[in-house]
Structure formats: C-alpha cells, structure tokens
Amino acid sequence: DREDYPTPPFTIDRQFYSQNVRYPEEIVQITTTGVIRGVAVARIEVFPIQYNPATRQLTAHSNIKFKI
C-alpha cells in the first residue's frame, strides 16, 4: 500500500547535474549473472538514450550492436 511508503520530497542533485558526462556512461550493461538449472544466465540492460546534464543534451542511439 502506497500510504505505508510515502514518496520522499524531490531534491535536485546539483553535483550530478553539473557533470559534463553522458548518463548512463555505458550503453549496454550486464547487471546480474547467475545459473539457472545449470545454465549460465545474465541480465543485459540496453540504454538507447543518454543524457548529458551539464549541456542538457540527449543522445539517441538508433543502431546498437553488442556480442553475447
């Protein structure tokens, strides 16, 4: 129930928004690995859009290739 977990107040992280880097820095990330019934598995996250908070610029990647 949402009443048990109130939404915290929004605060701007000034340190983050002053950085001149793309976020997330990596377009493809392996976040979790494991084994299920003897088979190796991995969670792969793909971020087709990156944001540079200092320049307020979005970068959209329309073609992303990676090897597994």
N, C-alpha and C. Protein backbone atom coordinates (compact mmCIF):
# COMPACT_ATOMS: atom_id res chain seq x y z
N ASP A 1 0.84 -1.17 0.00
CA ASP A 1 0.00 0.00 0.00
C ASP A 1 0.89 1.24 0.00
N ARG A 2 0.63 2.19 -0.88
CA ARG A 2 1.47 3.38 -1.03
C ARG A 2 1.43 4.27 0.21
N GLU A 3 0.37 4.18 0.99
CA GLU A 3 0.28 5.01 2.19
C GLU A 3 1.36 4.63 3.21
N ASP A 4 1.78 3.37 3.19
CA ASP A 4 2.82 2.91 4.10
C ASP A 4 4.20 3.40 3.68
N TYR A 5 4.36 3.77 2.41
CA TYR A 5 5.64 4.21 1.87
C TYR A 5 5.46 5.56 1.17
N PRO A 6 5.43 6.63 1.93
CA PRO A 6 5.21 7.94 1.30
C PRO A 6 6.36 8.31 0.36
N THR A 7 6.03 9.02 -0.69
CA THR A 7 7.03 9.47 -1.65
C THR A 7 7.91 10.53 -1.00
N PRO A 8 9.24 10.33 -1.05
CA PRO A 8 10.12 11.33 -0.45
C PRO A 8 10.09 12.62 -1.27
N PRO A 9 10.40 13.74 -0.65
CA PRO A 9 10.39 15.00 -1.40
C PRO A 9 11.48 15.00 -2.47
N PHE A 10 11.19 15.63 -3.60
CA PHE A 10 12.15 15.71 -4.70
C PHE A 10 13.21 16.75 -4.37
N THR A 11 14.47 16.35 -4.53
CA THR A 11 15.57 17.29 -4.37
C THR A 11 16.52 17.12 -5.55
N ILE A 12 17.01 18.23 -6.07
CA ILE A 12 17.93 18.19 -7.21
C ILE A 12 19.33 17.89 -6.71
N ASP A 13 19.97 16.91 -7.35
CA ASP A 13 21.35 16.56 -7.03
C ASP A 13 22.26 17.47 -7.87
N ARG A 14 22.66 18.58 -7.31
CA ARG A 14 23.42 19.59 -8.06
C ARG A 14 24.75 19.06 -8.57
N GLN A 15 25.37 18.15 -7.82
CA GLN A 15 26.64 17.57 -8.27
C GLN A 15 26.42 16.77 -9.55
N PHE A 16 25.36 15.97 -9.61
CA PHE A 16 25.08 15.18 -10.81
C PHE A 16 24.81 16.09 -12.00
N TYR A 17 23.98 17.11 -11.82
CA TYR A 17 23.58 17.97 -12.93
C TYR A 17 24.69 18.90 -13.40
N SER A 18 25.79 18.98 -12.67
CA SER A 18 26.91 19.81 -13.11
C SER A 18 27.95 19.01 -13.88
N GLN A 19 27.81 17.68 -13.95
CA GLN A 19 28.78 16.83 -14.63
C GLN A 19 28.62 16.91 -16.14
N ASN A 20 29.75 16.98 -16.84
CA ASN A 20 29.75 17.02 -18.29
C ASN A 20 30.07 15.63 -18.83
N VAL A 21 29.19 14.67 -18.53
CA VAL A 21 29.33 13.29 -18.99
C VAL A 21 27.97 12.77 -19.41
N ARG A 22 27.97 11.77 -20.27
CA ARG A 22 26.70 11.15 -20.67
C ARG A 22 26.27 10.15 -19.61
N TYR A 23 24.97 10.12 -19.36
CA TYR A 23 24.42 9.17 -18.38
C TYR A 23 23.31 8.37 -19.04
N PRO A 24 23.35 7.06 -18.92
CA PRO A 24 24.43 6.28 -18.33
C PRO A 24 25.66 6.30 -19.23
N GLU A 25 26.84 6.09 -18.64
CA GLU A 25 28.07 6.14 -19.42
C GLU A 25 28.15 4.99 -20.41
N GLU A 26 27.71 3.82 -20.03
CA GLU A 26 27.74 2.64 -20.90
C GLU A 26 26.35 2.42 -21.50
N ILE A 27 26.30 2.16 -22.81
CA ILE A 27 25.02 1.94 -23.49
C ILE A 27 24.47 0.55 -23.18
N VAL A 28 25.36 -0.42 -23.05
CA VAL A 28 24.97 -1.80 -22.74
C VAL A 28 25.68 -2.22 -21.45
N GLN A 29 24.92 -2.78 -20.51
CA GLN A 29 25.48 -3.21 -19.24
C GLN A 29 24.98 -4.60 -18.88
N ILE A 30 25.87 -5.43 -18.37
CA ILE A 30 25.47 -6.69 -17.76
C ILE A 30 25.34 -6.40 -16.28
N THR A 31 24.11 -6.49 -15.76
CA THR A 31 23.88 -6.08 -14.38
C THR A 31 23.84 -7.25 -13.40
N THR A 32 23.44 -8.41 -13.87
CA THR A 32 23.32 -9.57 -12.99
C THR A 32 23.71 -10.82 -13.77
N THR A 33 24.42 -11.71 -13.13
CA THR A 33 24.71 -13.01 -13.73
C THR A 33 24.35 -14.10 -12.73
N GLY A 34 24.13 -15.28 -13.25
CA GLY A 34 23.79 -16.39 -12.38
C GLY A 34 23.67 -17.68 -13.15
N VAL A 35 23.19 -18.69 -12.47
CA VAL A 35 23.00 -20.00 -13.08
C VAL A 35 21.61 -20.48 -12.71
N ILE A 36 20.84 -20.88 -13.72
CA ILE A 36 19.51 -21.43 -13.51
C ILE A 36 19.47 -22.82 -14.12
N ARG A 37 19.26 -23.81 -13.27
CA ARG A 37 19.23 -25.21 -13.71
C ARG A 37 20.46 -25.58 -14.53
N GLY A 38 21.61 -25.10 -14.09
CA GLY A 38 22.87 -25.44 -14.74
C GLY A 38 23.20 -24.61 -15.97
N VAL A 39 22.36 -23.63 -16.29
CA VAL A 39 22.59 -22.79 -17.47
C VAL A 39 22.99 -21.38 -17.01
N ALA A 40 24.09 -20.89 -17.57
CA ALA A 40 24.53 -19.54 -17.23
C ALA A 40 23.55 -18.53 -17.83
N VAL A 41 23.14 -17.56 -17.02
CA VAL A 41 22.21 -16.52 -17.48
C VAL A 41 22.78 -15.15 -17.08
N ALA A 42 22.32 -14.13 -17.79
CA ALA A 42 22.75 -12.77 -17.47
C ALA A 42 21.62 -11.81 -17.78
N ARG A 43 21.53 -10.77 -16.99
CA ARG A 43 20.58 -9.69 -17.28
C ARG A 43 21.36 -8.61 -18.01
N ILE A 44 20.89 -8.29 -19.21
CA ILE A 44 21.55 -7.29 -20.04
C ILE A 44 20.62 -6.10 -20.17
N GLU A 45 21.11 -4.92 -19.83
CA GLU A 45 20.32 -3.70 -19.94
C GLU A 45 20.87 -2.86 -21.09
N VAL A 46 19.97 -2.38 -21.95
CA VAL A 46 20.35 -1.56 -23.09
C VAL A 46 19.72 -0.19 -22.92
N PHE A 47 20.54 0.84 -23.03
CA PHE A 47 20.09 2.21 -22.84
C PHE A 47 20.27 2.98 -24.16
N PRO A 48 19.24 3.03 -24.99
CA PRO A 48 19.38 3.69 -26.29
C PRO A 48 19.45 5.21 -26.21
N ILE A 49 19.17 5.76 -25.05
CA ILE A 49 19.21 7.22 -24.89
C ILE A 49 20.13 7.57 -23.72
N GLN A 50 21.02 8.54 -23.95
CA GLN A 50 21.91 9.04 -22.91
C GLN A 50 21.65 10.53 -22.73
N TYR A 51 21.92 11.01 -21.52
CA TYR A 51 21.68 12.42 -21.19
C TYR A 51 22.94 13.03 -20.61
N ASN A 52 23.30 14.21 -21.10
CA ASN A 52 24.41 14.97 -20.53
C ASN A 52 23.80 16.11 -19.73
N PRO A 53 23.85 16.02 -18.40
CA PRO A 53 23.17 17.03 -17.58
C PRO A 53 23.80 18.42 -17.68
N ALA A 54 25.10 18.52 -17.91
CA ALA A 54 25.74 19.84 -17.98
C ALA A 54 25.31 20.59 -19.23
N THR A 55 25.22 19.87 -20.36
CA THR A 55 24.84 20.51 -21.62
C THR A 55 23.36 20.38 -21.92
N ARG A 56 22.66 19.58 -21.10
CA ARG A 56 21.22 19.32 -21.27
C ARG A 56 20.93 18.70 -22.64
N GLN A 57 21.85 17.85 -23.11
CA GLN A 57 21.74 17.24 -24.42
C GLN A 57 21.39 15.75 -24.30
N LEU A 58 20.40 15.33 -25.10
CA LEU A 58 20.04 13.92 -25.21
C LEU A 58 20.71 13.35 -26.44
N THR A 59 21.23 12.12 -26.32
CA THR A 59 21.79 11.40 -27.46
C THR A 59 20.98 10.13 -27.63
N ALA A 60 20.37 9.96 -28.80
CA ALA A 60 19.57 8.77 -29.10
C ALA A 60 20.36 7.89 -30.06
N HIS A 61 20.58 6.65 -29.67
CA HIS A 61 21.32 5.69 -30.50
C HIS A 61 20.29 4.82 -31.23
N SER A 62 20.29 4.90 -32.55
CA SER A 62 19.29 4.16 -33.33
C SER A 62 19.80 2.79 -33.76
N ASN A 63 21.10 2.52 -33.63
CA ASN A 63 21.66 1.24 -34.04
C ASN A 63 22.69 0.82 -32.99
N ILE A 64 22.36 -0.21 -32.22
CA ILE A 64 23.24 -0.67 -31.14
C ILE A 64 23.58 -2.12 -31.40
N LYS A 65 24.87 -2.43 -31.44
CA LYS A 65 25.32 -3.81 -31.63
C LYS A 65 26.19 -4.22 -30.44
N PHE A 66 25.99 -5.46 -29.98
CA PHE A 66 26.84 -5.99 -28.93
C PHE A 66 26.88 -7.50 -29.06
N LYS A 67 27.95 -8.11 -28.57
CA LYS A 67 28.12 -9.56 -28.64
C LYS A 67 27.87 -10.17 -27.28
N ILE A 68 27.25 -11.32 -27.31
CA ILE A 68 26.99 -12.06 -26.08
C ILE A 68 27.96 -13.22 -26.00
